[in-house]
N, C-alpha and C. Protein backbone atom coordinates (compact mmCIF):
# COMPACT_ATOMS: atom_id res chain seq x y z
N UNK A 1 140.33 12.08 39.32
CA UNK A 1 140.76 11.10 38.62
C UNK A 1 139.35 10.94 37.61
N UNK A 2 139.27 11.23 36.58
CA UNK A 2 138.01 11.30 35.52
C UNK A 2 137.89 9.84 34.81
N UNK A 3 136.71 9.05 34.98
CA UNK A 3 136.36 8.08 34.08
C UNK A 3 135.97 8.52 32.57
N UNK A 4 136.60 7.62 31.58
CA UNK A 4 136.09 8.18 30.44
C UNK A 4 134.41 7.50 29.96
N UNK A 5 134.16 6.65 30.61
CA UNK A 5 132.90 5.78 30.09
C UNK A 5 131.91 6.31 31.04
N UNK A 6 131.77 7.56 31.31
CA UNK A 6 130.58 8.17 32.20
C UNK A 6 129.36 8.41 31.44
N UNK A 7 128.24 8.25 32.06
CA UNK A 7 126.69 8.56 31.18
C UNK A 7 125.95 9.61 32.03
N UNK A 8 125.30 10.44 31.48
CA UNK A 8 124.29 11.21 32.10
C UNK A 8 123.26 10.53 32.83
N UNK A 9 122.82 10.76 34.26
CA UNK A 9 121.82 10.07 34.61
C UNK A 9 120.51 9.86 33.83
N UNK A 10 120.22 10.98 33.15
CA UNK A 10 118.80 11.03 32.35
C UNK A 10 119.06 10.06 31.08
N UNK A 11 120.17 9.63 30.43
CA UNK A 11 120.45 8.58 29.41
C UNK A 11 120.26 7.64 29.91
N UNK A 12 120.77 7.05 31.12
CA UNK A 12 120.65 5.70 31.81
C UNK A 12 119.22 5.45 32.28
N UNK A 13 118.64 6.48 32.85
CA UNK A 13 117.19 6.30 33.36
C UNK A 13 116.38 6.09 32.12
N UNK A 14 116.60 6.73 30.81
CA UNK A 14 115.89 6.61 29.67
C UNK A 14 115.99 4.97 29.11
N UNK A 15 117.32 4.77 29.34
CA UNK A 15 117.53 3.28 28.67
C UNK A 15 116.81 2.17 29.44
N UNK A 16 116.65 2.45 30.64
CA UNK A 16 116.40 1.56 31.70
C UNK A 16 114.72 1.68 31.28
N UNK A 17 114.00 2.69 31.41
CA UNK A 17 112.56 2.67 31.14
C UNK A 17 112.23 2.13 29.82
N UNK A 18 113.22 2.30 28.67
CA UNK A 18 112.72 1.44 27.50
C UNK A 18 112.93 -0.12 27.57
N UNK A 19 113.95 -0.39 28.38
CA UNK A 19 113.98 -1.84 28.58
C UNK A 19 113.09 -2.58 29.24
N UNK A 20 112.67 -1.85 29.93
CA UNK A 20 111.32 -2.36 30.94
C UNK A 20 110.35 -2.21 30.51
N UNK A 21 109.94 -1.45 29.40
CA UNK A 21 108.79 -1.22 28.86
C UNK A 21 107.82 -0.19 29.57
N UNK A 22 108.36 0.79 30.23
CA UNK A 22 107.90 1.68 31.03
C UNK A 22 107.84 3.20 30.40
N UNK A 23 108.46 3.38 28.98
CA UNK A 23 108.47 4.56 28.64
C UNK A 23 107.07 5.21 28.25
N UNK A 24 106.43 4.24 27.47
CA UNK A 24 105.25 4.60 26.81
C UNK A 24 104.02 4.81 27.92
N UNK A 25 103.89 3.89 28.72
CA UNK A 25 103.11 4.45 30.08
C UNK A 25 103.14 5.84 30.70
N UNK A 26 104.59 6.03 30.70
CA UNK A 26 105.11 7.33 31.58
C UNK A 26 104.68 8.34 30.39
N UNK A 27 104.88 8.32 29.39
CA UNK A 27 104.56 9.25 28.31
C UNK A 27 103.02 9.53 28.23
N UNK A 28 102.25 8.37 28.49
CA UNK A 28 100.98 8.38 28.30
C UNK A 28 100.55 9.40 29.72
N UNK A 29 100.97 9.05 30.92
CA UNK A 29 100.64 9.90 31.96
C UNK A 29 101.01 10.98 31.93
N UNK A 30 102.02 11.47 31.26
CA UNK A 30 102.46 12.94 31.02
C UNK A 30 101.55 13.67 30.26
N UNK A 31 101.18 12.90 29.05
CA UNK A 31 100.14 13.53 28.16
C UNK A 31 99.01 13.76 29.04
N UNK A 32 98.28 13.08 29.85
CA UNK A 32 97.08 13.23 30.21
C UNK A 32 97.20 14.17 31.32
N UNK A 33 98.39 14.48 31.82
CA UNK A 33 98.62 15.38 33.10
C UNK A 33 98.79 16.93 32.29
N UNK A 34 99.35 16.89 30.94
CA UNK A 34 99.60 18.14 30.21
C UNK A 34 98.42 18.53 29.89
N UNK A 35 97.17 18.02 29.83
CA UNK A 35 95.89 18.41 29.31
C UNK A 35 95.74 19.72 30.04
N UNK A 36 95.90 19.97 31.48
CA UNK A 36 95.31 21.18 32.02
C UNK A 36 96.12 22.23 31.67
N UNK A 37 97.57 22.02 31.28
CA UNK A 37 98.00 22.90 30.92
C UNK A 37 97.75 23.45 29.59
N UNK A 38 97.50 22.45 28.69
CA UNK A 38 97.35 23.04 27.25
C UNK A 38 96.10 23.74 27.07
N UNK A 39 94.94 23.28 27.67
CA UNK A 39 93.58 23.80 27.36
C UNK A 39 93.14 24.66 28.30
N UNK A 40 93.96 24.78 29.55
CA UNK A 40 93.46 25.89 30.33
C UNK A 40 92.56 25.36 31.51
N UNK A 41 92.40 26.28 32.51
CA UNK A 41 91.33 25.52 33.72
C UNK A 41 90.00 25.86 33.32
N UNK A 42 89.64 26.75 32.35
CA UNK A 42 87.92 26.98 32.16
C UNK A 42 87.73 25.70 31.31
N UNK A 43 88.56 24.99 30.33
CA UNK A 43 87.92 23.74 29.59
C UNK A 43 88.22 22.59 30.33
N UNK A 44 89.27 22.67 31.41
CA UNK A 44 89.50 21.47 32.48
C UNK A 44 88.37 21.47 33.35
N UNK A 45 87.70 22.57 33.52
CA UNK A 45 86.25 22.27 34.74
C UNK A 45 85.28 21.43 33.98
N UNK A 46 85.33 21.14 32.75
CA UNK A 46 84.14 20.50 32.03
C UNK A 46 84.82 19.28 31.62
N UNK A 47 85.74 19.03 31.95
CA UNK A 47 86.20 17.43 31.32
C UNK A 47 86.40 16.61 32.37
N UNK A 48 86.34 15.20 32.38
CA UNK A 48 86.68 14.38 33.34
C UNK A 48 87.33 13.02 32.66
N UNK A 49 87.61 12.03 33.41
CA UNK A 49 87.90 10.55 32.65
C UNK A 49 88.84 10.69 31.47
N UNK A 50 89.85 11.23 31.54
CA UNK A 50 90.75 11.34 30.48
C UNK A 50 91.58 10.25 30.38
N UNK A 51 91.56 9.16 29.36
CA UNK A 51 92.55 8.21 29.23
C UNK A 51 93.07 7.92 27.96
N UNK A 52 94.27 6.95 27.54
CA UNK A 52 94.56 6.74 26.23
C UNK A 52 94.49 5.35 26.06
N UNK A 53 94.18 4.98 24.69
CA UNK A 53 93.89 3.51 24.54
C UNK A 53 94.12 3.56 23.04
N UNK A 54 95.15 2.65 22.24
CA UNK A 54 95.58 2.71 21.01
C UNK A 54 95.80 3.94 20.60
N UNK A 55 96.64 4.70 21.04
CA UNK A 55 97.33 6.14 20.65
C UNK A 55 96.03 7.07 20.73
N UNK A 56 95.03 6.96 21.09
CA UNK A 56 93.87 7.81 21.26
C UNK A 56 93.35 8.22 22.41
N UNK A 57 93.38 9.38 22.45
CA UNK A 57 92.97 10.08 23.70
C UNK A 57 91.45 10.26 23.88
N UNK A 58 90.83 9.64 24.78
CA UNK A 58 89.45 9.65 25.16
C UNK A 58 89.07 10.61 26.31
N UNK A 59 88.33 11.84 26.05
CA UNK A 59 88.12 12.68 26.80
C UNK A 59 86.48 13.03 26.86
N UNK A 60 85.95 12.58 28.46
CA UNK A 60 84.32 12.99 28.40
C UNK A 60 84.21 14.37 28.95
N UNK A 61 83.46 15.00 28.28
CA UNK A 61 83.10 16.45 28.36
C UNK A 61 81.37 16.45 29.05
N UNK A 62 81.41 17.60 29.78
CA UNK A 62 79.87 17.93 30.36
C UNK A 62 79.07 18.55 29.62
N UNK A 63 79.74 19.41 28.65
CA UNK A 63 79.09 20.46 27.81
C UNK A 63 79.36 19.95 26.28
N UNK A 64 78.20 19.96 25.83
CA UNK A 64 77.93 19.73 24.15
C UNK A 64 78.41 20.84 23.28
N UNK A 65 78.33 22.06 23.73
CA UNK A 65 78.84 23.25 23.17
C UNK A 65 80.36 23.08 23.10
N UNK A 66 80.96 22.81 24.18
CA UNK A 66 82.38 22.83 24.22
C UNK A 66 82.86 21.68 23.25
N UNK A 67 82.17 20.43 23.45
CA UNK A 67 82.64 19.23 22.65
C UNK A 67 82.70 19.81 21.23
N UNK A 68 81.79 20.45 20.53
CA UNK A 68 81.70 20.61 19.23
C UNK A 68 83.10 21.61 18.90
N UNK A 69 83.17 22.74 20.05
CA UNK A 69 84.40 23.78 19.56
C UNK A 69 85.76 22.75 19.89
N UNK A 70 85.81 21.71 20.55
CA UNK A 70 87.10 21.32 20.56
C UNK A 70 87.21 20.21 19.46
N UNK A 71 86.16 19.77 18.99
CA UNK A 71 86.24 18.69 17.63
C UNK A 71 86.81 19.57 16.56
N UNK A 72 86.71 20.96 16.49
CA UNK A 72 87.14 21.80 15.36
C UNK A 72 88.66 21.86 15.70
N UNK A 73 89.21 21.83 16.88
CA UNK A 73 90.28 22.28 17.17
C UNK A 73 91.13 21.11 17.41
N UNK A 74 90.64 19.65 17.06
CA UNK A 74 91.30 18.44 17.35
C UNK A 74 92.80 18.40 17.02
N UNK A 75 93.07 18.88 15.76
CA UNK A 75 94.17 18.55 15.38
C UNK A 75 95.37 19.28 16.10
N UNK A 76 95.01 20.55 16.39
CA UNK A 76 95.64 21.46 17.20
C UNK A 76 95.97 20.91 18.46
N UNK A 77 94.95 20.35 19.03
CA UNK A 77 95.23 19.84 20.50
C UNK A 77 96.17 18.69 20.26
N UNK A 78 95.93 17.66 19.62
CA UNK A 78 96.98 16.60 19.07
C UNK A 78 98.27 17.06 19.09
N UNK A 79 98.23 18.22 18.31
CA UNK A 79 99.78 18.62 18.14
C UNK A 79 100.44 19.14 19.25
N UNK A 80 99.71 20.09 19.95
CA UNK A 80 100.36 20.89 21.26
C UNK A 80 100.40 19.67 22.28
N UNK A 81 99.77 18.78 22.75
CA UNK A 81 99.96 17.88 23.48
C UNK A 81 101.08 16.90 23.49
N UNK A 82 101.27 16.65 22.08
CA UNK A 82 102.32 15.71 21.83
C UNK A 82 103.62 16.54 22.08
N UNK A 83 103.62 18.08 21.43
CA UNK A 83 104.96 18.65 21.88
C UNK A 83 105.05 19.00 23.13
N UNK A 84 104.00 19.12 24.02
CA UNK A 84 104.17 19.12 25.54
C UNK A 84 104.91 18.34 26.40
N UNK A 85 104.68 17.17 25.37
CA UNK A 85 105.52 15.58 26.13
C UNK A 85 106.63 15.21 25.57
N UNK A 86 106.88 16.08 24.20
CA UNK A 86 107.96 15.67 23.73
C UNK A 86 108.36 14.66 22.60
N UNK A 87 107.50 13.84 22.39
CA UNK A 87 107.05 12.80 21.64
C UNK A 87 105.62 12.53 21.20
N UNK A 88 105.39 11.52 19.95
CA UNK A 88 104.31 11.46 19.50
C UNK A 88 103.77 10.13 20.12
N UNK A 89 102.69 10.65 21.17
CA UNK A 89 101.79 9.56 22.08
C UNK A 89 100.81 9.44 21.63
N UNK A 90 99.70 10.21 21.10
CA UNK A 90 98.43 10.24 20.38
C UNK A 90 98.71 10.70 19.03
N UNK A 91 97.56 9.98 18.28
CA UNK A 91 97.21 10.69 17.01
C UNK A 91 95.88 10.97 16.44
N UNK A 92 94.89 11.03 17.86
CA UNK A 92 93.63 11.13 17.61
C UNK A 92 93.13 11.59 19.07
N UNK A 93 91.99 12.35 19.38
CA UNK A 93 91.41 12.65 20.51
C UNK A 93 89.97 12.46 20.06
N UNK A 94 89.15 11.28 20.72
CA UNK A 94 87.78 11.51 20.99
C UNK A 94 86.90 12.05 22.00
N UNK A 95 85.90 12.88 21.84
CA UNK A 95 85.09 13.75 22.67
C UNK A 95 84.02 12.88 22.98
N UNK A 96 83.51 12.67 24.30
CA UNK A 96 82.35 12.11 24.61
C UNK A 96 81.57 12.80 25.41
């Protein structure tokens, strides 16, 4: 016996997350977690305290040289991080 009004569990979970206002925080967590994969282990070693506020990713760096290099690649990083998550989570990155 097959029911005609069945839904995929993923669609149900996504609808629930949107209703409860949990979709944005989940995507922000996924983006911060994706930082390691997008920039690689060498850059990850010099980064700490990543957080998102008002669609801006704040990244603390221990290397001023690396900060300058990443500033030049900021647009590409924003695009790659958003692509990794699958939605537009951030619009800018601030390196400190």
